Each structure stands twice: as C-alpha cells, then as structure tokens.
Amino acid sequence: QVQLVESGGGLVQPGGSLTLSCAVSGINFNIHTMGWFRRAPGTQRELVAFVATAHGTWYRDAVKGRFTISRDNTKKMVYLKMNNLRPEDTAVYYCNSRYGNMWSDNWGQGTQVTVSS
C-alpha cells in the first residue's frame, strides 16, 4: 500500500517561497504519475500540478509560472517549489500517485502552507 509523507510547509509572507517534499513508498514509483493537490478551508481538494513518468508536467492556471514540480526516481521523492506565494495559495498540500487514469485513494497527512503578512 502506498505511503505518502509530505513536509516543508509553513508560514510565509506574500511573495515568499517554499519547497514541499513528498516521500513515497509502497509502490513502483517509476511507473506512477505523481501530483500535488491542495485543499483550502471550505473548498474541495484540487489538483495543483503533476509530473508524469517521463517528467512531462501540467499546472493549473493559477500557479503557472510560480510553481515547479519535480521528481527524483532514485530517492522516490516528489517536490513542489513554490515562488511568489499569494494568500490564496494558503491550503493543506497533499501529494498523490496515479497509475492509468485514476488517482490513488490513499492520502498522506498533508502539509500546511499559510501565506500571510
């Protein structure tokens, strides 16, 4: 069973940066697309970005040009570098895995990102 451990969140001022990390175990990491989701208070969880097995990437419009997703297949890690953070980026961030067309039902505990002055 997949295990996902997110870290790197925190409190940052608008315009600041954070890098989130996700340690993955329990799956054949190299054949899974990996993604970052977020859930802000009172909203549904939304997909922020994903990186495919061949390192192709996708970003939601709200974060394009500010966030960068990457993966390290040797370490089984996924990263989300977030620059120029805005208050609307405040959320709990989660990573997840996808094989085929379905994202996993297994979620980690997430990491809180708060953007506030």
PDB file of N, CA and C in Angstrom:
ATOM      1  N   GLN A   1       0.852  -1.178   0.000  1.00  0.00           N
ATOM      2  CA  GLN A   1       0.000   0.000   0.000  1.00  0.00           C
ATOM      3  C   GLN A   1       0.893   1.234   0.000  1.00  0.00           C
ATOM      4  N   VAL A   2       0.482   2.199  -0.811  1.00  0.00           N
ATOM      5  CA  VAL A   2       1.288   3.403  -0.933  1.00  0.00           C
ATOM      6  C   VAL A   2       1.286   4.180   0.372  1.00  0.00           C
ATOM      7  N   GLN A   3       2.432   4.716   0.715  1.00  0.00           N
ATOM      8  CA  GLN A   3       2.576   5.627   1.844  1.00  0.00           C
ATOM      9  C   GLN A   3       3.179   6.924   1.339  1.00  0.00           C
ATOM     10  N   LEU A   4       2.589   8.027   1.762  1.00  0.00           N
ATOM     11  CA  LEU A   4       2.992   9.351   1.304  1.00  0.00           C
ATOM     12  C   LEU A   4       3.227  10.227   2.529  1.00  0.00           C
ATOM     13  N   VAL A   5       4.401  10.828   2.615  1.00  0.00           N
ATOM     14  CA  VAL A   5       4.727  11.688   3.746  1.00  0.00           C
ATOM     15  C   VAL A   5       5.160  13.045   3.212  1.00  0.00           C
ATOM     16  N   GLU A   6       4.299  14.047   3.419  1.00  0.00           N
ATOM     17  CA  GLU A   6       4.574  15.396   2.953  1.00  0.00           C
ATOM     18  C   GLU A   6       5.269  16.213   4.039  1.00  0.00           C
ATOM     19  N   SER A   7       6.106  17.138   3.609  1.00  0.00           N
ATOM     20  CA  SER A   7       6.788  18.029   4.545  1.00  0.00           C
ATOM     21  C   SER A   7       7.166  19.317   3.829  1.00  0.00           C
ATOM     22  N   GLY A   8       7.583  20.303   4.615  1.00  0.00           N
ATOM     23  CA  GLY A   8       8.102  21.540   4.044  1.00  0.00           C
ATOM     24  C   GLY A   8       7.172  22.731   4.128  1.00  0.00           C
ATOM     25  N   GLY A   9       5.957  22.536   4.625  1.00  0.00           N
ATOM     26  CA  GLY A   9       5.035  23.652   4.734  1.00  0.00           C
ATOM     27  C   GLY A   9       5.438  24.620   5.831  1.00  0.00           C
ATOM     28  N   GLY A  10       4.690  25.704   5.921  1.00  0.00           N
ATOM     29  CA  GLY A  10       4.976  26.689   6.956  1.00  0.00           C
ATOM     30  C   GLY A  10       4.250  27.982   6.702  1.00  0.00           C
ATOM     31  N   LEU A  11       4.624  28.987   7.493  1.00  0.00           N
ATOM     32  CA  LEU A  11       4.062  30.329   7.368  1.00  0.00           C
ATOM     33  C   LEU A  11       5.048  31.184   6.583  1.00  0.00           C
ATOM     34  N   VAL A  12       4.565  31.847   5.554  1.00  0.00           N
ATOM     35  CA  VAL A  12       5.438  32.674   4.721  1.00  0.00           C
ATOM     36  C   VAL A  12       4.682  33.940   4.327  1.00  0.00           C
ATOM     37  N   GLN A  13       5.397  35.017   4.140  1.00  0.00           N
ATOM     38  CA  GLN A  13       4.786  36.274   3.718  1.00  0.00           C
ATOM     39  C   GLN A  13       4.470  36.243   2.221  1.00  0.00           C
ATOM     40  N   PRO A  14       3.496  37.040   1.799  1.00  0.00           N
ATOM     41  CA  PRO A  14       3.232  37.134   0.355  1.00  0.00           C
ATOM     42  C   PRO A  14       4.499  37.491  -0.408  1.00  0.00           C
ATOM     43  N   GLY A  15       4.690  36.798  -1.532  1.00  0.00           N
ATOM     44  CA  GLY A  15       5.899  36.980  -2.318  1.00  0.00           C
ATOM     45  C   GLY A  15       7.026  36.041  -1.939  1.00  0.00           C
ATOM     46  N   GLY A  16       6.862  35.323  -0.854  1.00  0.00           N
ATOM     47  CA  GLY A  16       7.892  34.405  -0.395  1.00  0.00           C
ATOM     48  C   GLY A  16       7.876  33.076  -1.130  1.00  0.00           C
ATOM     49  N   SER A  17       8.767  32.180  -0.700  1.00  0.00           N
ATOM     50  CA  SER A  17       8.929  30.877  -1.352  1.00  0.00           C
ATOM     51  C   SER A  17       8.956  29.749  -0.336  1.00  0.00           C
ATOM     52  N   LEU A  18       8.526  28.602  -0.775  1.00  0.00           N
ATOM     53  CA  LEU A  18       8.613  27.362  -0.005  1.00  0.00           C
ATOM     54  C   LEU A  18       8.841  26.212  -0.976  1.00  0.00           C
ATOM     55  N   THR A  19       9.496  25.172  -0.491  1.00  0.00           N
ATOM     56  CA  THR A  19       9.612  23.941  -1.265  1.00  0.00           C
ATOM     57  C   THR A  19       9.028  22.789  -0.454  1.00  0.00           C
ATOM     58  N   LEU A  20       8.025  22.151  -1.003  1.00  0.00           N
ATOM     59  CA  LEU A  20       7.407  20.995  -0.372  1.00  0.00           C
ATOM     60  C   LEU A  20       8.070  19.718  -0.873  1.00  0.00           C
ATOM     61  N   SER A  21       8.119  18.730  -0.003  1.00  0.00           N
ATOM     62  CA  SER A  21       8.687  17.428  -0.350  1.00  0.00           C
ATOM     63  C   SER A  21       7.691  16.336  -0.014  1.00  0.00           C
ATOM     64  N   CYS A  22       7.734  15.259  -0.775  1.00  0.00           N
ATOM     65  CA  CYS A  22       6.879  14.104  -0.518  1.00  0.00           C
ATOM     66  C   CYS A  22       7.706  12.844  -0.672  1.00  0.00           C
ATOM     67  N   ALA A  23       7.793  12.086   0.402  1.00  0.00           N
ATOM     68  CA  ALA A  23       8.485  10.797   0.378  1.00  0.00           C
ATOM     69  C   ALA A  23       7.465   9.701   0.096  1.00  0.00           C
ATOM     70  N   VAL A  24       7.768   8.861  -0.875  1.00  0.00           N
ATOM     71  CA  VAL A  24       6.816   7.854  -1.356  1.00  0.00           C
ATOM     72  C   VAL A  24       7.378   6.453  -1.137  1.00  0.00           C
ATOM     73  N   SER A  25       6.542   5.563  -0.655  1.00  0.00           N
ATOM     74  CA  SER A  25       6.935   4.163  -0.521  1.00  0.00           C
ATOM     75  C   SER A  25       5.723   3.282  -0.794  1.00  0.00           C
ATOM     76  N   GLY A  26       6.004   1.994  -1.029  1.00  0.00           N
ATOM     77  CA  GLY A  26       4.914   1.046  -1.194  1.00  0.00           C
ATOM     78  C   GLY A  26       4.391   0.886  -2.603  1.00  0.00           C
ATOM     79  N   ILE A  27       4.964   1.605  -3.577  1.00  0.00           N
ATOM     80  CA  ILE A  27       4.556   1.466  -4.969  1.00  0.00           C
ATOM     81  C   ILE A  27       5.794   1.430  -5.854  1.00  0.00           C
ATOM     82  N   ASN A  28       5.589   0.976  -7.089  1.00  0.00           N
ATOM     83  CA  ASN A  28       6.648   1.064  -8.088  1.00  0.00           C
ATOM     84  C   ASN A  28       6.669   2.506  -8.594  1.00  0.00           C
ATOM     85  N   PHE A  29       7.465   3.307  -7.925  1.00  0.00           N
ATOM     86  CA  PHE A  29       7.419   4.764  -8.120  1.00  0.00           C
ATOM     87  C   PHE A  29       7.624   5.152  -9.577  1.00  0.00           C
ATOM     88  N   ASN A  30       8.519   4.471 -10.248  1.00  0.00           N
ATOM     89  CA  ASN A  30       8.919   4.873 -11.595  1.00  0.00           C
ATOM     90  C   ASN A  30       7.787   4.800 -12.622  1.00  0.00           C
ATOM     91  N   ILE A  31       6.736   4.046 -12.344  1.00  0.00           N
ATOM     92  CA  ILE A  31       5.670   3.892 -13.333  1.00  0.00           C
ATOM     93  C   ILE A  31       4.415   4.691 -12.956  1.00  0.00           C
ATOM     94  N   HIS A  32       4.516   5.512 -11.923  1.00  0.00           N
ATOM     95  CA  HIS A  32       3.374   6.312 -11.484  1.00  0.00           C
ATOM     96  C   HIS A  32       3.579   7.788 -11.804  1.00  0.00           C
ATOM     97  N   THR A  33       2.536   8.414 -12.290  1.00  0.00           N
ATOM     98  CA  THR A  33       2.482   9.871 -12.319  1.00  0.00           C
ATOM     99  C   THR A  33       2.301  10.359 -10.886  1.00  0.00           C
ATOM    100  N   MET A  34       2.976  11.444 -10.543  1.00  0.00           N
ATOM    101  CA  MET A  34       2.874  11.982  -9.184  1.00  0.00           C
ATOM    102  C   MET A  34       2.333  13.400  -9.238  1.00  0.00           C
ATOM    103  N   GLY A  35       1.480  13.716  -8.291  1.00  0.00           N
ATOM    104  CA  GLY A  35       0.868  15.033  -8.296  1.00  0.00           C
ATOM    105  C   GLY A  35       0.805  15.663  -6.928  1.00  0.00           C
ATOM    106  N   TRP A  36       0.601  16.969  -6.937  1.00  0.00           N
ATOM    107  CA  TRP A  36       0.338  17.735  -5.710  1.00  0.00           C
ATOM    108  C   TRP A  36      -1.083  18.293  -5.796  1.00  0.00           C
ATOM    109  N   PHE A  37      -1.812  18.115  -4.717  1.00  0.00           N
ATOM    110  CA  PHE A  37      -3.156  18.651  -4.556  1.00  0.00           C
ATOM    111  C   PHE A  37      -3.128  19.644  -3.392  1.00  0.00           C
ATOM    112  N   ARG A  38      -4.176  20.429  -3.278  1.00  0.00           N
ATOM    113  CA  ARG A  38      -4.331  21.292  -2.109  1.00  0.00           C
ATOM    114  C   ARG A  38      -5.815  21.439  -1.771  1.00  0.00           C
ATOM    115  N   ARG A  39      -6.052  21.704  -0.489  1.00  0.00           N
ATOM    116  CA  ARG A  39      -7.405  21.955  -0.011  1.00  0.00           C
ATOM    117  C   ARG A  39      -7.370  23.175   0.892  1.00  0.00           C
ATOM    118  N   ALA A  40      -8.040  24.214   0.448  1.00  0.00           N
ATOM    119  CA  ALA A  40      -8.186  25.415   1.266  1.00  0.00           C
ATOM    120  C   ALA A  40      -9.422  25.253   2.141  1.00  0.00           C
ATOM    121  N   PRO A  41      -9.510  25.970   3.249  1.00  0.00           N
ATOM    122  CA  PRO A  41     -10.685  25.850   4.132  1.00  0.00           C
ATOM    123  C   PRO A  41     -11.971  26.099   3.362  1.00  0.00           C
ATOM    124  N   GLY A  42     -12.943  25.191   3.548  1.00  0.00           N
ATOM    125  CA  GLY A  42     -14.239  25.360   2.921  1.00  0.00           C
ATOM    126  C   GLY A  42     -14.307  25.031   1.453  1.00  0.00           C
ATOM    127  N   THR A  43     -13.241  24.460   0.906  1.00  0.00           N
ATOM    128  CA  THR A  43     -13.234  24.127  -0.520  1.00  0.00           C
ATOM    129  C   THR A  43     -12.905  22.653  -0.716  1.00  0.00           C
ATOM    130  N   GLN A  44     -13.099  22.198  -1.948  1.00  0.00           N
ATOM    131  CA  GLN A  44     -12.728  20.825  -2.275  1.00  0.00           C
ATOM    132  C   GLN A  44     -11.241  20.752  -2.615  1.00  0.00           C
ATOM    133  N   ARG A  45     -10.688  19.571  -2.455  1.00  0.00           N
ATOM    134  CA  ARG A  45      -9.298  19.353  -2.833  1.00  0.00           C
ATOM    135  C   ARG A  45      -9.158  19.541  -4.340  1.00  0.00           C
ATOM    136  N   GLU A  46      -8.114  20.245  -4.765  1.00  0.00           N
ATOM    137  CA  GLU A  46      -7.900  20.486  -6.190  1.00  0.00           C
ATOM    138  C   GLU A  46      -6.490  20.097  -6.598  1.00  0.00           C
ATOM    139  N   LEU A  47      -6.374  19.652  -7.830  1.00  0.00           N
ATOM    140  CA  LEU A  47      -5.076  19.283  -8.371  1.00  0.00           C
ATOM    141  C   LEU A  47      -4.300  20.552  -8.709  1.00  0.00           C
ATOM    142  N   VAL A  48      -3.076  20.624  -8.241  1.00  0.00           N
ATOM    143  CA  VAL A  48      -2.226  21.795  -8.462  1.00  0.00           C
ATOM    144  C   VAL A  48      -1.258  21.563  -9.623  1.00  0.00           C
ATOM    145  N   ALA A  49      -0.628  20.402  -9.626  1.00  0.00           N
ATOM    146  CA  ALA A  49       0.367  20.087 -10.652  1.00  0.00           C
ATOM    147  C   ALA A  49       0.634  18.593 -10.634  1.00  0.00           C
ATOM    148  N   PHE A  50       1.094  18.078 -11.758  1.00  0.00           N
ATOM    149  CA  PHE A  50       1.564  16.697 -11.753  1.00  0.00           C
ATOM    150  C   PHE A  50       2.771  16.551 -12.674  1.00  0.00           C
ATOM    151  N   VAL A  51       3.548  15.509 -12.394  1.00  0.00           N
ATOM    152  CA  VAL A  51       4.709  15.181 -13.212  1.00  0.00           C
ATOM    153  C   VAL A  51       4.587  13.724 -13.617  1.00  0.00           C
ATOM    154  N   ALA A  52       4.664  13.484 -14.907  1.00  0.00           N
ATOM    155  CA  ALA A  52       4.500  12.135 -15.429  1.00  0.00           C
ATOM    156  C   ALA A  52       5.810  11.356 -15.330  1.00  0.00           C
ATOM    157  N   THR A  53       5.730  10.094 -15.707  1.00  0.00           N
ATOM    158  CA  THR A  53       6.893   9.228 -15.583  1.00  0.00           C
ATOM    159  C   THR A  53       8.052   9.705 -16.453  1.00  0.00           C
ATOM    160  N   ALA A  54       7.735  10.303 -17.596  1.00  0.00           N
ATOM    161  CA  ALA A  54       8.787  10.830 -18.479  1.00  0.00           C
ATOM    162  C   ALA A  54       9.078  12.289 -18.174  1.00  0.00           C
ATOM    163  N   HIS A  55       8.617  12.745 -17.007  1.00  0.00           N
ATOM    164  CA  HIS A  55       8.904  14.086 -16.484  1.00  0.00           C
ATOM    165  C   HIS A  55       8.132  15.199 -17.172  1.00  0.00           C
ATOM    166  N   GLY A  56       7.164  14.856 -18.035  1.00  0.00           N
ATOM    167  CA  GLY A  56       6.270  15.885 -18.533  1.00  0.00           C
ATOM    168  C   GLY A  56       5.437  16.436 -17.392  1.00  0.00           C
ATOM    169  N   THR A  57       5.079  17.717 -17.453  1.00  0.00           N
ATOM    170  CA  THR A  57       4.383  18.349 -16.341  1.00  0.00           C
ATOM    171  C   THR A  57       3.105  19.048 -16.780  1.00  0.00           C
ATOM    172  N   TRP A  58       2.230  19.262 -15.815  1.00  0.00           N
ATOM    173  CA  TRP A  58       0.987  20.029 -16.002  1.00  0.00           C
ATOM    174  C   TRP A  58       0.790  20.888 -14.774  1.00  0.00           C
ATOM    175  N   TYR A  59       0.280  22.099 -14.944  1.00  0.00           N
ATOM    176  CA  TYR A  59      -0.001  23.007 -13.836  1.00  0.00           C
ATOM    177  C   TYR A  59      -1.380  23.629 -14.031  1.00  0.00           C
ATOM    178  N   ARG A  60      -2.083  23.844 -12.913  1.00  0.00           N
ATOM    179  CA  ARG A  60      -3.305  24.619 -13.038  1.00  0.00           C
ATOM    180  C   ARG A  60      -2.927  26.068 -13.305  1.00  0.00           C
ATOM    181  N   ASP A  61      -3.834  26.783 -13.992  1.00  0.00           N
ATOM    182  CA  ASP A  61      -3.516  28.137 -14.438  1.00  0.00           C
ATOM    183  C   ASP A  61      -3.076  29.046 -13.301  1.00  0.00           C
ATOM    184  N   ALA A  62      -3.686  28.887 -12.136  1.00  0.00           N
ATOM    185  CA  ALA A  62      -3.421  29.801 -11.019  1.00  0.00           C
ATOM    186  C   ALA A  62      -1.981  29.753 -10.523  1.00  0.00           C
ATOM    187  N   VAL A  63      -1.253  28.680 -10.851  1.00  0.00           N
ATOM    188  CA  VAL A  63       0.116  28.550 -10.328  1.00  0.00           C
ATOM    189  C   VAL A  63       1.171  28.538 -11.426  1.00  0.00           C
ATOM    190  N   LYS A  64       0.733  28.585 -12.678  1.00  0.00           N
ATOM    191  CA  LYS A  64       1.694  28.562 -13.784  1.00  0.00           C
ATOM    192  C   LYS A  64       2.674  29.718 -13.677  1.00  0.00           C
ATOM    193  N   GLY A  65       3.948  29.414 -13.881  1.00  0.00           N
ATOM    194  CA  GLY A  65       4.992  30.427 -13.795  1.00  0.00           C
ATOM    195  C   GLY A  65       5.486  30.692 -12.388  1.00  0.00           C
ATOM    196  N   ARG A  66       4.799  30.157 -11.386  1.00  0.00           N
ATOM    197  CA  ARG A  66       5.203  30.361  -9.979  1.00  0.00           C
ATOM    198  C   ARG A  66       5.629  29.070  -9.312  1.00  0.00           C
ATOM    199  N   PHE A  67       4.990  27.954  -9.660  1.00  0.00           N
ATOM    200  CA  PHE A  67       5.274  26.664  -9.031  1.00  0.00           C
ATOM    201  C   PHE A  67       6.023  25.762 -10.020  1.00  0.00           C
ATOM    202  N   THR A  68       6.900  24.919  -9.484  1.00  0.00           N
ATOM    203  CA  THR A  68       7.611  23.939 -10.293  1.00  0.00           C
ATOM    204  C   THR A  68       7.574  22.589  -9.595  1.00  0.00           C
ATOM    205  N   ILE A  69       7.050  21.591 -10.287  1.00  0.00           N
ATOM    206  CA  ILE A  69       7.017  20.236  -9.731  1.00  0.00           C
ATOM    207  C   ILE A  69       8.166  19.438 -10.329  1.00  0.00           C
ATOM    208  N   SER A  70       8.744  18.563  -9.516  1.00  0.00           N
ATOM    209  CA  SER A  70       9.823  17.704  -9.996  1.00  0.00           C
ATOM    210  C   SER A  70       9.799  16.393  -9.223  1.00  0.00           C
ATOM    211  N   ARG A  71      10.524  15.421  -9.750  1.00  0.00           N
ATOM    212  CA  ARG A  71      10.584  14.115  -9.097  1.00  0.00           C
ATOM    213  C   ARG A  71      12.009  13.576  -9.152  1.00  0.00           C
ATOM    214  N   ASP A  72      12.337  12.767  -8.163  1.00  0.00           N
ATOM    215  CA  ASP A  72      13.621  12.072  -8.123  1.00  0.00           C
ATOM    216  C   ASP A  72      13.304  10.589  -8.013  1.00  0.00           C
ATOM    217  N   ASN A  73      13.430   9.877  -9.128  1.00  0.00           N
ATOM    218  CA  ASN A  73      13.049   8.468  -9.145  1.00  0.00           C
ATOM    219  C   ASN A  73      13.982   7.614  -8.290  1.00  0.00           C
ATOM    220  N   THR A  74      15.218   8.045  -8.116  1.00  0.00           N
ATOM    221  CA  THR A  74      16.160   7.271  -7.311  1.00  0.00           C
ATOM    222  C   THR A  74      15.780   7.341  -5.835  1.00  0.00           C
ATOM    223  N   LYS A  75      15.392   8.523  -5.394  1.00  0.00           N
ATOM    224  CA  LYS A  75      15.044   8.719  -3.983  1.00  0.00           C
ATOM    225  C   LYS A  75      13.557   8.500  -3.715  1.00  0.00           C
ATOM    226  N   LYS A  76      12.749   8.323  -4.760  1.00  0.00           N
ATOM    227  CA  LYS A  76      11.300   8.197  -4.618  1.00  0.00           C
ATOM    228  C   LYS A  76      10.717   9.423  -3.908  1.00  0.00           C
ATOM    229  N   MET A  77      11.076  10.573  -4.433  1.00  0.00           N
ATOM    230  CA  MET A  77      10.644  11.841  -3.848  1.00  0.00           C
ATOM    231  C   MET A  77       9.970  12.698  -4.912  1.00  0.00           C
ATOM    232  N   VAL A  78       9.020  13.499  -4.478  1.00  0.00           N
ATOM    233  CA  VAL A  78       8.368  14.481  -5.333  1.00  0.00           C
ATOM    234  C   VAL A  78       8.474  15.831  -4.634  1.00  0.00           C
ATOM    235  N   TYR A  79       8.717  16.870  -5.419  1.00  0.00           N
ATOM    236  CA  TYR A  79       8.914  18.194  -4.857  1.00  0.00           C
ATOM    237  C   TYR A  79       7.973  19.197  -5.524  1.00  0.00           C
ATOM    238  N   LEU A  80       7.652  20.238  -4.773  1.00  0.00           N
ATOM    239  CA  LEU A  80       6.897  21.356  -5.335  1.00  0.00           C
ATOM    240  C   LEU A  80       7.573  22.636  -4.862  1.00  0.00           C
ATOM    241  N   LYS A  81       8.251  23.290  -5.787  1.00  0.00           N
ATOM    242  CA  LYS A  81       8.881  24.563  -5.487  1.00  0.00           C
ATOM    243  C   LYS A  81       7.860  25.648  -5.775  1.00  0.00           C
ATOM    244  N   MET A  82       7.581  26.464  -4.745  1.00  0.00           N
ATOM    245  CA  MET A  82       6.553  27.499  -4.846  1.00  0.00           C
ATOM    246  C   MET A  82       7.189  28.866  -4.647  1.00  0.00           C
ATOM    247  N   ASN A  83       7.115  29.687  -5.669  1.00  0.00           N
ATOM    248  CA  ASN A  83       7.642  31.047  -5.604  1.00  0.00           C
ATOM    249  C   ASN A  83       6.512  32.066  -5.679  1.00  0.00           C
ATOM    250  N   ASN A  84       6.813  33.283  -5.268  1.00  0.00           N
ATOM    251  CA  ASN A  84       5.850  34.378  -5.350  1.00  0.00           C
ATOM    252  C   ASN A  84       4.495  33.963  -4.773  1.00  0.00           C
ATOM    253  N   LEU A  85       4.527  33.417  -3.588  1.00  0.00           N
ATOM    254  CA  LEU A  85       3.317  32.908  -2.965  1.00  0.00           C
ATOM    255  C   LEU A  85       2.312  34.011  -2.671  1.00  0.00           C
ATOM    256  N   ARG A  86       1.033  33.668  -2.784  1.00  0.00           N
ATOM    257  CA  ARG A  86      -0.070  34.596  -2.577  1.00  0.00           C
ATOM    258  C   ARG A  86      -0.957  34.088  -1.451  1.00  0.00           C
ATOM    259  N   PRO A  87      -1.716  34.961  -0.809  1.00  0.00           N
ATOM    260  CA  PRO A  87      -2.623  34.498   0.254  1.00  0.00           C
ATOM    261  C   PRO A  87      -3.573  33.402  -0.227  1.00  0.00           C
ATOM    262  N   GLU A  88      -3.976  33.443  -1.478  1.00  0.00           N
ATOM    263  CA  GLU A  88      -4.896  32.425  -1.995  1.00  0.00           C
ATOM    264  C   GLU A  88      -4.240  31.058  -2.195  1.00  0.00           C
ATOM    265  N   ASP A  89      -2.927  30.975  -1.995  1.00  0.00           N
ATOM    266  CA  ASP A  89      -2.243  29.681  -2.021  1.00  0.00           C
ATOM    267  C   ASP A  89      -2.321  28.971  -0.664  1.00  0.00           C
ATOM    268  N   THR A  90      -2.856  29.644   0.336  1.00  0.00           N
ATOM    269  CA  THR A  90      -2.997  29.053   1.655  1.00  0.00           C
ATOM    270  C   THR A  90      -3.890  27.819   1.593  1.00  0.00           C
ATOM    271  N   ALA A  91      -3.363  26.683   2.056  1.00  0.00           N
ATOM    272  CA  ALA A  91      -4.082  25.415   1.973  1.00  0.00           C
ATOM    273  C   ALA A  91      -3.238  24.327   2.627  1.00  0.00           C
ATOM    274  N   VAL A  92      -3.859  23.170   2.814  1.00  0.00           N
ATOM    275  CA  VAL A  92      -3.100  21.963   3.130  1.00  0.00           C
ATOM    276  C   VAL A  92      -2.743  21.311   1.799  1.00  0.00           C
ATOM    277  N   TYR A  93      -1.460  20.998   1.617  1.00  0.00           N
ATOM    278  CA  TYR A  93      -0.975  20.428   0.378  1.00  0.00           C
ATOM    279  C   TYR A  93      -0.702  18.931   0.562  1.00  0.00           C
ATOM    280  N   TYR A  94      -1.139  18.162  -0.417  1.00  0.00           N
ATOM    281  CA  TYR A  94      -1.010  16.709  -0.394  1.00  0.00           C
ATOM    282  C   TYR A  94      -0.364  16.230  -1.692  1.00  0.00           C
ATOM    283  N   CYS A  95       0.426  15.172  -1.604  1.00  0.00           N
ATOM    284  CA  CYS A  95       0.864  14.526  -2.831  1.00  0.00           C
ATOM    285  C   CYS A  95       0.062  13.238  -3.020  1.00  0.00           C
ATOM    286  N   ASN A  96       0.046  12.764  -4.251  1.00  0.00           N
ATOM    287  CA  ASN A  96      -0.690  11.545  -4.565  1.00  0.00           C
ATOM    288  C   ASN A  96      -0.092  10.910  -5.804  1.00  0.00           C
ATOM    289  N   SER A  97      -0.457   9.665  -6.026  1.00  0.00           N
ATOM    290  CA  SER A  97       0.078   8.911  -7.144  1.00  0.00           C
ATOM    291  C   SER A  97      -1.051   8.505  -8.087  1.00  0.00           C
ATOM    292  N   ARG A  98      -0.701   8.345  -9.355  1.00  0.00           N
ATOM    293  CA  ARG A  98      -1.681   7.923 -10.345  1.00  0.00           C
ATOM    294  C   ARG A  98      -1.065   6.876 -11.261  1.00  0.00           C
ATOM    295  N   TYR A  99      -1.805   5.795 -11.467  1.00  0.00           N
ATOM    296  CA  TYR A  99      -1.412   4.771 -12.436  1.00  0.00           C
ATOM    297  C   TYR A  99      -2.592   4.590 -13.376  1.00  0.00           C
ATOM    298  N   GLY A 100      -2.381   4.857 -14.665  1.00  0.00           N
ATOM    299  CA  GLY A 100      -3.509   4.895 -15.576  1.00  0.00           C
ATOM    300  C   GLY A 100      -4.242   6.210 -15.402  1.00  0.00           C
ATOM    301  N   ASN A 101      -5.576   6.146 -15.295  1.00  0.00           N
ATOM    302  CA  ASN A 101      -6.376   7.363 -15.210  1.00  0.00           C
ATOM    303  C   ASN A 101      -6.869   7.687 -13.810  1.00  0.00           C
ATOM    304  N   MET A 102      -6.510   6.872 -12.829  1.00  0.00           N
ATOM    305  CA  MET A 102      -7.080   7.046 -11.503  1.00  0.00           C
ATOM    306  C   MET A 102      -6.032   7.459 -10.490  1.00  0.00           C
ATOM    307  N   TRP A 103      -6.342   8.533  -9.747  1.00  0.00           N
ATOM    308  CA  TRP A 103      -5.505   8.897  -8.611  1.00  0.00           C
ATOM    309  C   TRP A 103      -5.814   7.946  -7.451  1.00  0.00           C
ATOM    310  N   SER A 104      -4.802   7.697  -6.645  1.00  0.00           N
ATOM    311  CA  SER A 104      -4.943   6.766  -5.535  1.00  0.00           C
ATOM    312  C   SER A 104      -5.943   7.268  -4.502  1.00  0.00           C
ATOM    313  N   ASP A 105      -6.572   6.332  -3.781  1.00  0.00           N
ATOM    314  CA  ASP A 105      -7.452   6.676  -2.659  1.00  0.00           C
ATOM    315  C   ASP A 105      -6.652   6.916  -1.376  1.00  0.00           C
ATOM    316  N   ASN A 106      -5.373   6.616  -1.413  1.00  0.00           N
ATOM    317  CA  ASN A 106      -4.540   6.768  -0.226  1.00  0.00           C
ATOM    318  C   ASN A 106      -3.944   8.170  -0.183  1.00  0.00           C
ATOM    319  N   TRP A 107      -4.097   8.839   0.938  1.00  0.00           N
ATOM    320  CA  TRP A 107      -3.588  10.189   1.111  1.00  0.00           C
ATOM    321  C   TRP A 107      -2.694  10.251   2.341  1.00  0.00           C
ATOM    322  N   GLY A 108      -1.701  11.104   2.290  1.00  0.00           N
ATOM    323  CA  GLY A 108      -0.888  11.361   3.465  1.00  0.00           C
ATOM    324  C   GLY A 108      -1.575  12.368   4.374  1.00  0.00           C
ATOM    325  N   GLN A 109      -0.812  12.842   5.365  1.00  0.00           N
ATOM    326  CA  GLN A 109      -1.385  13.789   6.324  1.00  0.00           C
ATOM    327  C   GLN A 109      -1.399  15.206   5.787  1.00  0.00           C
ATOM    328  N   GLY A 110      -0.654  15.449   4.715  1.00  0.00           N
ATOM    329  CA  GLY A 110      -0.588  16.782   4.144  1.00  0.00           C
ATOM    330  C   GLY A 110       0.364  17.683   4.915  1.00  0.00           C
ATOM    331  N   THR A 111       0.647  18.829   4.334  1.00  0.00           N
ATOM    332  CA  THR A 111       1.486  19.835   4.993  1.00  0.00           C
ATOM    333  C   THR A 111       0.834  21.195   4.795  1.00  0.00           C
ATOM    334  N   GLN A 112       0.728  21.947   5.880  1.00  0.00           N
ATOM    335  CA  GLN A 112       0.018  23.222   5.861  1.00  0.00           C
ATOM    336  C   GLN A 112       0.913  24.327   5.300  1.00  0.00           C
ATOM    337  N   VAL A 113       0.381  25.062   4.338  1.00  0.00           N
ATOM    338  CA  VAL A 113       1.045  26.253   3.810  1.00  0.00           C
ATOM    339  C   VAL A 113       0.139  27.444   4.106  1.00  0.00           C
ATOM    340  N   THR A 114       0.687  28.425   4.801  1.00  0.00           N
ATOM    341  CA  THR A 114      -0.066  29.632   5.124  1.00  0.00           C
ATOM    342  C   THR A 114       0.704  30.836   4.605  1.00  0.00           C
ATOM    343  N   VAL A 115       0.034  31.618   3.764  1.00  0.00           N
ATOM    344  CA  VAL A 115       0.650  32.817   3.192  1.00  0.00           C
ATOM    345  C   VAL A 115      -0.069  34.024   3.777  1.00  0.00           C
ATOM    346  N   SER A 116       0.638  34.751   4.609  1.00  0.00           N
ATOM    347  CA  SER A 116       0.022  35.865   5.315  1.00  0.00           C
ATOM    348  C   SER A 116       1.085  36.844   5.774  1.00  0.00           C
ATOM    349  N   SER A 117       0.711  38.108   5.800  1.00  0.00           N
ATOM    350  CA  SER A 117       1.619  39.133   6.317  1.00  0.00           C
ATOM    351  C   SER A 117       1.329  39.393   7.790  1.00  0.00           C
TER     352      SER A 117
END
